[in-house]
Protein backbone atom coordinates (compact mmCIF):
# COMPACT_ATOMS: atom_id res chain seq x y z
CA MET A 1 8.20 31.61 17.30
CA ALA A 2 9.30 28.41 15.68
CA SER A 3 10.97 25.73 17.78
CA ASP A 4 14.20 24.47 16.32
CA ALA A 5 13.12 20.82 15.91
CA VAL A 6 10.18 18.51 16.44
CA PHE A 7 10.48 14.67 17.13
CA ILE A 8 7.54 12.62 15.75
CA TYR A 9 6.97 9.11 16.85
CA HIS A 10 3.83 6.95 17.25
CA SER A 11 3.89 3.56 19.04
CA ASP A 12 1.56 2.11 16.19
CA SER A 13 4.67 2.18 13.95
CA ASN A 14 6.08 -0.64 16.17
CA GLY A 15 3.33 -2.85 14.60
CA TYR A 16 5.07 -2.56 11.20
CA LYS A 17 6.74 -5.92 11.53
CA PHE A 18 6.89 -8.69 8.95
CA GLY A 19 8.02 -11.47 11.42
CA GLU A 20 10.56 -12.44 13.97
CA GLU A 21 13.24 -13.43 11.44
CA HIS A 22 12.55 -10.53 8.99
CA PRO A 23 15.45 -7.97 8.87
CA PHE A 24 13.13 -4.99 9.05
CA ASN A 25 12.72 -4.95 12.81
CA PRO A 26 10.92 -2.03 14.53
CA LEU A 27 13.11 -2.68 17.60
CA ARG A 28 15.41 -0.22 15.85
CA LEU A 29 13.02 2.59 16.90
CA THR A 30 13.09 1.62 20.47
CA LEU A 31 16.83 1.25 20.61
CA THR A 32 17.27 4.79 19.05
CA ILE A 33 14.82 6.60 21.23
CA ASP A 34 16.38 4.91 24.40
CA LEU A 35 19.89 5.96 23.26
CA LEU A 36 18.71 9.61 22.82
CA LYS A 37 17.05 9.50 26.28
CA ALA A 38 20.18 8.04 27.81
CA ALA A 39 22.24 10.81 26.20
CA GLY A 40 20.00 13.48 27.72
CA ALA A 41 19.01 14.67 24.25
CA LEU A 42 15.36 13.56 24.23
CA SER A 43 12.59 13.50 26.83
CA GLU A 44 9.24 11.92 26.81
CA GLU A 45 7.63 15.37 26.79
CA GLN A 46 9.40 16.20 23.51
CA ILE A 47 7.94 13.22 21.66
CA GLU A 48 4.92 14.13 19.58
CA ALA A 49 2.46 11.58 18.34
CA PRO A 50 0.91 12.17 14.88
CA LEU A 51 -2.89 12.12 14.51
CA PRO A 52 -4.10 9.01 12.78
CA LEU A 53 -5.19 9.29 9.06
CA SER A 54 -9.04 9.88 9.23
CA ASP A 55 -9.53 8.75 5.60
CA ASP A 56 -7.64 7.83 2.49
CA LYS A 57 -7.22 11.27 0.97
CA LEU A 58 -3.55 11.60 1.83
CA LEU A 59 -2.77 8.05 0.90
CA THR A 60 -4.50 8.45 -2.67
CA LEU A 61 -2.16 11.35 -3.38
CA VAL A 62 0.29 8.64 -4.21
CA HIS A 63 -1.40 5.22 -4.09
CA ARG A 64 -4.19 3.74 -6.23
CA SER A 65 -7.51 3.03 -4.56
CA ASP A 66 -7.51 -0.65 -5.55
CA TYR A 67 -4.08 -1.10 -3.94
CA LEU A 68 -5.31 0.57 -0.69
CA ASN A 69 -8.37 -1.65 -0.73
CA ALA A 70 -6.14 -4.77 -1.06
CA VAL A 71 -3.87 -3.79 1.78
CA LYS A 72 -6.96 -3.31 4.07
CA GLN A 73 -8.34 -6.66 3.02
CA LEU A 74 -5.08 -8.36 3.70
CA SER A 75 -4.98 -6.66 7.12
CA GLU A 76 -8.07 -8.31 8.29
CA GLY A 77 -7.27 -12.02 8.66
CA SER A 78 -5.26 -15.08 7.87
CA ALA A 79 -4.18 -16.29 4.48
CA THR A 80 -6.77 -17.94 2.24
CA HIS A 81 -6.72 -18.85 -1.48
CA GLU A 82 -8.34 -15.40 -2.22
CA THR A 83 -5.98 -13.40 0.06
CA ASP A 84 -2.95 -15.16 -1.62
CA ASN A 85 -4.25 -14.15 -5.06
CA ILE A 86 -4.68 -10.49 -3.81
CA ALA A 87 -1.26 -10.44 -2.28
CA GLN A 88 0.38 -11.78 -5.39
CA GLN A 89 -1.21 -9.10 -7.58
CA PHE A 90 -0.02 -6.22 -5.31
CA GLY A 91 3.56 -7.48 -4.32
CA LEU A 92 2.52 -8.53 -0.76
CA ASN A 93 3.33 -12.18 -1.17
CA THR A 94 7.12 -12.01 -1.34
CA GLU A 95 9.74 -13.01 1.20
CA ASP A 96 10.75 -9.28 1.46
CA THR A 97 7.28 -7.89 1.89
CA PRO A 98 4.67 -10.42 3.16
CA PHE A 99 1.32 -9.24 4.30
CA PHE A 100 0.44 -9.65 8.10
CA PRO A 101 -2.63 -8.88 10.23
CA GLY A 102 -2.85 -5.11 10.83
CA ILE A 103 -0.56 -4.18 8.05
CA HIS A 104 -2.70 -1.16 6.93
CA LYS A 105 -2.91 0.37 10.38
CA ALA A 106 0.86 0.12 10.92
CA ALA A 107 1.83 1.36 7.49
CA ALA A 108 -0.71 4.28 7.61
CA SER A 109 0.66 5.30 11.04
CA ILE A 110 4.05 5.67 9.43
CA VAL A 111 2.54 7.90 6.74
CA SER A 112 0.72 10.03 9.29
CA GLY A 113 4.08 10.57 11.04
CA SER A 114 5.95 11.73 7.95
CA VAL A 115 3.07 14.04 6.97
CA ALA A 116 3.00 15.39 10.46
CA ALA A 117 6.74 16.15 10.29
CA ALA A 118 6.26 17.87 6.97
CA GLU A 119 3.48 19.97 8.30
CA ALA A 120 5.43 21.04 11.40
CA VAL A 121 8.14 22.49 9.15
CA MET A 122 5.93 23.93 6.39
CA SER A 123 3.52 25.63 8.78
CA GLY A 124 6.55 27.41 10.41
CA ARG A 125 6.02 25.72 13.74
CA ALA A 126 9.58 24.20 13.58
CA ASP A 127 12.68 24.65 11.50
CA HIS A 128 13.34 20.87 11.54
CA ALA A 129 11.34 17.73 12.04
CA TYR A 130 12.41 14.07 12.46
CA HIS A 131 10.33 11.10 11.98
CA LEU A 132 12.62 8.06 12.33
CA ALA A 133 9.93 5.47 11.48
CA GLY A 134 9.52 6.90 8.04
CA GLY A 135 11.46 6.48 4.82
CA LEU A 136 9.77 3.58 3.17
CA HIS A 137 11.01 4.65 -0.20
CA HIS A 138 10.47 1.49 -2.30
CA ALA A 139 6.67 1.43 -2.24
CA PHE A 140 4.99 2.17 -5.59
CA PRO A 141 1.43 3.54 -6.23
CA ASP A 142 0.17 0.18 -7.10
CA ARG A 143 2.35 -2.31 -5.22
CA ALA A 144 4.55 -2.93 -2.25
CA SER A 145 8.32 -3.60 -2.67
CA GLY A 146 11.48 -3.88 -0.63
CA PHE A 147 9.91 -3.99 2.91
CA CYS A 148 7.79 -0.91 1.98
CA VAL A 149 3.98 -0.96 1.74
CA TYR A 150 3.02 2.80 1.75
CA ASN A 151 5.52 5.38 0.43
CA ASP A 152 5.31 7.85 3.30
CA ALA A 153 8.02 10.12 1.85
CA ALA A 154 6.21 10.54 -1.44
CA VAL A 155 2.89 11.18 0.38
CA ALA A 156 4.56 13.90 2.57
CA ILE A 157 6.03 15.45 -0.64
CA LYS A 158 2.68 15.44 -2.30
CA HIS A 159 1.16 17.02 0.72
CA ILE A 160 3.77 19.77 0.61
CA ARG A 161 3.22 20.40 -3.07
CA ARG A 162 -0.54 20.50 -2.85
CA THR A 163 -0.80 22.63 0.43
CA TYR A 164 2.25 24.91 0.11
CA ASP A 165 3.26 24.84 -3.50
CA ALA A 166 6.84 24.51 -2.52
CA LYS A 167 9.75 23.18 -4.49
CA VAL A 168 11.12 20.13 -2.78
CA LEU A 169 14.60 18.46 -2.72
CA TYR A 170 14.39 14.80 -1.74
CA ILE A 171 17.82 13.43 -0.62
CA ASP A 172 18.15 9.67 -0.13
CA THR A 173 21.23 8.20 1.50
CA ASP A 174 20.00 4.71 1.92
CA VAL A 175 22.39 2.19 0.29
CA HIS A 176 19.53 1.01 -1.92
CA HIS A 177 18.24 3.34 -4.62
CA GLY A 178 15.18 5.34 -3.65
CA ASP A 179 13.18 3.99 -6.67
CA GLY A 180 9.62 4.42 -5.42
CA VAL A 181 9.98 8.19 -4.62
CA GLN A 182 11.90 8.67 -7.88
CA TRP A 183 9.31 7.15 -10.07
CA VAL A 184 6.34 8.98 -8.41
CA PHE A 185 8.07 12.30 -9.23
CA TYR A 186 9.82 11.34 -12.38
CA ASP A 187 7.88 13.92 -14.54
CA ASP A 188 7.62 16.67 -11.85
CA PRO A 189 9.94 19.50 -12.29
CA ASP A 190 9.07 20.80 -8.75
CA VAL A 191 10.39 17.85 -6.94
CA CYS A 192 14.05 17.07 -7.32
CA THR A 193 15.05 13.53 -6.30
CA TYR A 194 18.62 12.85 -5.34
CA SER A 195 19.76 9.34 -4.35
CA ILE A 196 23.27 8.15 -3.47
CA HIS A 197 23.46 4.34 -3.17
CA GLU A 198 25.34 1.27 -4.17
CA THR A 199 25.11 0.65 -7.87
CA GLY A 200 22.08 -1.29 -9.05
CA LYS A 201 24.41 -3.58 -10.97
CA PHE A 202 24.80 -5.57 -7.95
CA LEU A 203 22.07 -4.57 -5.42
CA PHE A 204 18.27 -4.34 -5.11
CA PRO A 205 16.32 -2.69 -6.66
CA GLY A 206 18.61 -2.79 -9.69
CA THR A 207 17.96 0.82 -10.72
CA GLY A 208 19.23 4.29 -9.90
CA PHE A 209 21.81 4.72 -12.82
CA VAL A 210 23.09 8.15 -13.85
CA HIS A 211 21.18 8.10 -17.11
CA GLU A 212 17.87 8.12 -15.01
CA LYS A 213 17.17 11.90 -15.13
CA GLY A 214 13.41 12.18 -15.37
CA ILE A 215 11.02 12.40 -18.25
CA ASP A 216 8.96 15.25 -19.95
CA SER A 217 8.94 18.44 -17.87
CA GLY A 218 10.66 16.55 -15.05
CA PHE A 219 13.70 15.84 -17.08
CA GLY A 220 16.83 17.20 -15.28
CA ALA A 221 15.18 17.04 -11.80
CA CYS A 222 16.44 13.62 -11.00
CA PHE A 223 19.97 12.75 -9.87
CA ASN A 224 21.41 9.38 -9.04
CA VAL A 225 24.92 8.76 -7.66
CA PRO A 226 25.53 4.98 -7.97
CA LEU A 227 28.70 4.08 -6.09
CA GLU A 228 31.02 1.03 -6.54
CA PRO A 229 30.81 -1.88 -4.11
CA TYR A 230 33.26 -1.58 -1.20
CA THR A 231 33.31 2.21 -1.39
CA GLU A 232 34.80 3.63 1.83
CA ASP A 233 34.26 6.75 3.90
CA GLU A 234 36.50 9.22 1.99
CA SER A 235 35.10 8.36 -1.43
CA TRP A 236 31.47 8.24 -0.22
CA LEU A 237 31.75 11.62 1.44
CA GLU A 238 33.60 13.12 -1.67
CA SER A 239 30.83 11.90 -3.87
CA PHE A 240 28.11 13.15 -1.62
CA ASN A 241 29.59 16.49 -0.91
CA TYR A 242 30.56 17.32 -4.50
CA THR A 243 27.29 16.22 -6.19
CA LEU A 244 24.72 17.37 -3.54
CA ARG A 245 26.14 20.91 -3.27
CA LYS A 246 26.09 21.26 -7.08
CA VAL A 247 22.43 19.97 -7.23
CA ILE A 248 20.95 22.20 -4.42
CA ALA A 249 22.75 25.31 -5.80
CA ALA A 250 21.30 24.72 -9.27
CA TYR A 251 17.84 23.57 -8.12
CA LYS A 252 17.10 26.10 -5.34
CA PRO A 253 14.52 24.21 -3.41
CA ASP A 254 12.15 25.62 -0.68
CA VAL A 255 12.50 22.64 1.59
CA ILE A 256 14.54 19.51 2.01
CA ILE A 257 13.33 16.00 2.89
CA SER A 258 16.01 13.52 3.60
CA GLN A 259 15.87 9.79 4.02
CA HIS A 260 18.55 8.34 6.38
CA GLY A 261 18.84 4.76 5.64
CA CYS A 262 22.07 3.61 7.49
CA ASP A 263 22.79 0.46 5.56
CA ALA A 264 26.02 1.52 3.76
CA HIS A 265 27.90 0.70 6.94
CA ALA A 266 30.42 -2.05 6.70
CA ASN A 267 28.58 -4.13 9.28
CA ASP A 268 25.22 -4.09 7.45
CA PRO A 269 24.36 -7.55 6.13
CA LEU A 270 22.33 -6.50 3.14
CA SER A 271 24.90 -4.47 1.05
CA HIS A 272 28.49 -4.22 -0.01
CA ILE A 273 29.46 -0.63 0.82
CA HIS A 274 32.20 -0.51 3.42
CA CYS A 275 31.64 2.70 5.37
CA SER A 276 31.94 3.49 9.01
CA MET A 277 29.95 5.70 11.46
CA ARG A 278 31.86 8.72 10.17
CA ILE A 279 29.54 9.16 7.27
CA TYR A 280 26.51 9.11 9.56
CA ALA A 281 28.02 11.83 11.65
CA GLU A 282 28.73 13.94 8.53
CA ILE A 283 25.59 13.30 6.45
CA PRO A 284 23.21 15.24 8.90
CA ALA A 285 25.90 17.90 9.48
CA ILE A 286 26.11 18.51 5.72
CA ILE A 287 22.30 18.56 5.22
CA HIS A 288 21.86 20.81 8.32
CA GLU A 289 24.35 23.24 6.74
CA ILE A 290 22.85 23.42 3.35
CA ALA A 291 19.30 23.68 4.79
CA HIS A 292 20.25 26.83 6.60
CA ALA A 293 22.18 28.10 3.48
CA HIS A 294 19.42 27.36 0.94
CA THR A 295 16.01 26.67 2.42
CA ASN A 296 15.79 28.95 5.56
CA GLY A 297 16.48 25.88 7.66
CA ARG A 298 13.46 23.98 6.38
CA TRP A 299 14.42 20.27 6.78
CA ILE A 300 12.48 17.19 7.37
CA ALA A 301 14.29 13.99 8.07
CA LEU A 302 13.07 10.35 7.89
CA GLY A 303 14.63 6.98 8.73
CA GLY A 304 14.90 4.11 6.25
CA GLY A 305 16.95 1.00 5.98
CA GLY A 306 19.56 -0.33 8.35
CA TYR A 307 19.82 -3.94 9.45
CA ASP A 308 22.58 -4.00 11.96
CA ILE A 309 19.93 -2.94 14.46
CA TYR A 310 22.10 -2.84 17.54
CA ARG A 311 25.55 -1.59 16.52
CA VAL A 312 24.64 0.72 13.75
CA VAL A 313 21.09 2.04 13.56
CA PRO A 314 20.79 3.58 17.00
CA ARG A 315 23.94 5.56 16.71
CA ALA A 316 23.31 6.72 13.12
CA TRP A 317 19.71 7.64 13.62
CA SER A 318 20.56 9.45 17.00
CA LEU A 319 23.11 11.61 15.19
CA VAL A 320 20.35 13.01 12.94
CA TRP A 321 18.43 14.34 15.96
CA LEU A 322 21.60 15.37 17.81
CA THR A 323 22.52 17.43 14.72
CA MET A 324 18.99 18.97 14.38
CA ILE A 325 19.12 20.25 17.96
CA ASP A 326 22.77 21.39 17.83
CA HIS A 327 23.79 19.00 20.53
CA PRO A 328 27.51 19.09 21.47
CA LEU A 329 27.80 15.24 20.76
CA ALA A 330 26.92 15.88 17.03
CA ALA A 331 29.43 18.46 16.62
CA ALA A 332 32.10 16.35 18.27
CA ALA A 333 31.14 13.32 16.17
CA ALA A 334 31.23 15.30 12.88
CA ALA A 335 34.65 16.65 13.85
CA GLY A 336 35.89 13.07 14.38
CA GLU A 337 36.12 13.38 18.21
CA ASP A 338 34.93 10.08 19.59
CA LEU A 339 32.93 10.10 22.87
CA LEU A 340 31.67 7.17 24.95
CA LEU A 341 28.12 5.97 24.55
CA PRO A 342 25.94 6.30 27.63
CA GLU A 343 26.79 3.54 30.14
CA SER A 344 23.02 3.13 31.04
CA TRP A 345 22.19 2.34 27.42
CA LEU A 346 25.03 -0.17 27.08
CA GLU A 347 23.95 -1.91 30.38
CA ARG A 348 20.34 -2.15 29.28
CA TRP A 349 20.89 -3.60 25.82
CA THR A 350 24.02 -5.62 26.08
CA PRO A 351 22.17 -8.70 27.38
CA HIS A 352 19.82 -8.59 24.33
CA SER A 353 22.44 -7.89 21.61
CA PRO A 354 23.66 -10.91 19.60
CA CYS A 355 26.98 -9.04 19.10
CA LYS A 356 29.24 -6.87 21.22
CA LEU A 357 27.90 -3.39 21.40
CA PRO A 358 30.35 -0.48 20.49
CA GLU A 359 31.40 1.63 23.32
CA PHE A 360 31.81 4.86 21.37
CA TRP A 361 29.72 6.91 19.00
CA LEU A 362 32.11 6.49 16.21
CA ASP A 363 33.96 3.29 14.99
CA ASP A 364 37.64 2.52 15.58
CA PRO A 365 39.15 2.89 11.91
CA ALA A 366 41.51 0.03 12.86
CA SER A 367 38.58 -2.29 13.27
CA PHE A 368 37.97 -2.24 9.50
CA GLU A 369 40.28 -3.97 7.06
CA PRO A 370 41.12 -1.63 4.21
CA MET A 371 39.60 -2.66 0.93
CA PRO A 372 41.70 -3.81 -1.99
CA ARG A 373 41.33 -1.81 -5.20
CA ARG A 374 40.64 1.36 -3.00
CA ALA A 375 42.24 3.69 -5.51
CA GLU A 376 40.43 2.17 -8.40
CA ILE A 377 37.02 2.24 -6.68
CA SER A 378 37.59 6.00 -5.77
CA GLU A 379 38.48 6.76 -9.35
CA LYS A 380 35.43 5.10 -10.69
CA ASN A 381 33.24 7.00 -8.25
CA ARG A 382 34.94 10.31 -9.38
CA LYS A 383 34.00 9.50 -12.96
CA THR A 384 30.38 8.90 -11.81
CA GLN A 385 30.33 12.27 -9.94
CA ALA A 386 31.35 14.15 -12.97
CA ILE A 387 28.64 12.49 -15.20
CA VAL A 388 25.94 13.27 -12.51
CA VAL A 389 26.61 16.96 -12.51
CA GLN A 390 27.88 17.55 -16.03
CA ASP A 391 24.74 19.50 -17.03
CA LEU A 392 24.57 21.77 -13.97
C-alpha cells in the first residue's frame, strides 16, 4: 500500500552554501523543517535521508564528464591559477555561482534527494514526494549558472524516462525561467516543460519567451508563460490556472515534477513580481488537484529559489508539504482563511530574523500597496496566455 507522501531531506544539502553574504542560504531548509515540526505536520521519524550517489552514472545522464571532473577538482582545495582557469571555463567563477570546498558532495547530495523522491513515487511506494533542497533548474550539462551546479530536476526526469519510460510534465513556478531543464529536454517529446516566470526582458536568465516551443520532435512540448513586472496575485493565478490546465489536458503526462521557487513574492529582493502568500497557498492546491485528475496522484515536488528566507520561504515551502498530506492548514490557506503561525516557531526565530516575522500563514492584503498600471499589466498577461495555448 502506497503512503500518501514522502519527505526527503539530507543534512549534506546544508553544505550547499556559496558564502555568508550570498542570497542562496541553506538556512531556508532548517527554517522550513522547523516550521513544519512546530505545526505538528512533520516528525523526525517521517524524514527520509537519500542514499549518497555511489558513482557518476546518474549525473552523466545530464552532465558532461569533463564538467563533473572539474567540479570535483574545484571541491578539493583553495583557489590557484589552475583552479581559476577551470572555474572560468565551467561557469564556477562568477559572483552568482562561485566554487567552494566540498561543492561536489553538497551538489550531488541534492541530486540524490531528487532522484530518491522520483523513485519513491514511480515505484509506487508513495503518491507524492517532496525534496525541498532540490530545484536547481539553471544548471546546464556543461556549466553552472544562477546558483545551480548540478541540475537535480533534469537528472530525476532522465532517471524516470530511462527506468520507467513515463511521460513527464515539469512545472516550474520560480520567478526565474527554468532554462536549464528546458534546454536539456528541448528536443524530447516525452518531457513537457512548463515555466511561469517574470519575463526575461528584465530578469535573469533572459530567456523563457513564448516562442520557445522546442525543436525537432520536441517541438510543441515546451511552454513558457512570461509575466509582466509587478504582476499581482489575481493575474498570476489567472495565467497559471488557464495555461496549465490546457497544457496538462493536451499533453496527458504520467507524472508531474514541480519546482516551487517562491521568489515571485513582493518581498523577494531578486525580482519584480508583486505577489503575496496567496499564490503559494494555491499553487500546490492546483497541482495536487490536477495530479489526482491526470496522473493518478503521481507528484514529485522540489524547492528552488526564494531569497526572503525568514518571511516568505518557510511559509511557502511548508504549504507544499501541508497540501501533499491534506493537512487542514493547507485547505484553510488555499481558501483564504488566515491562521496564526506556531508561537514556538516565532519565539525561536524572531531573535535571528533581520526583519519582523509575520504572525499568520497568509499576508495581510493591506500591507501591499496596489501597483499602478494594474489593468494594463493584467491585459498584457492575458494576451500572453492566449499565445501560449493557441495551438492546443
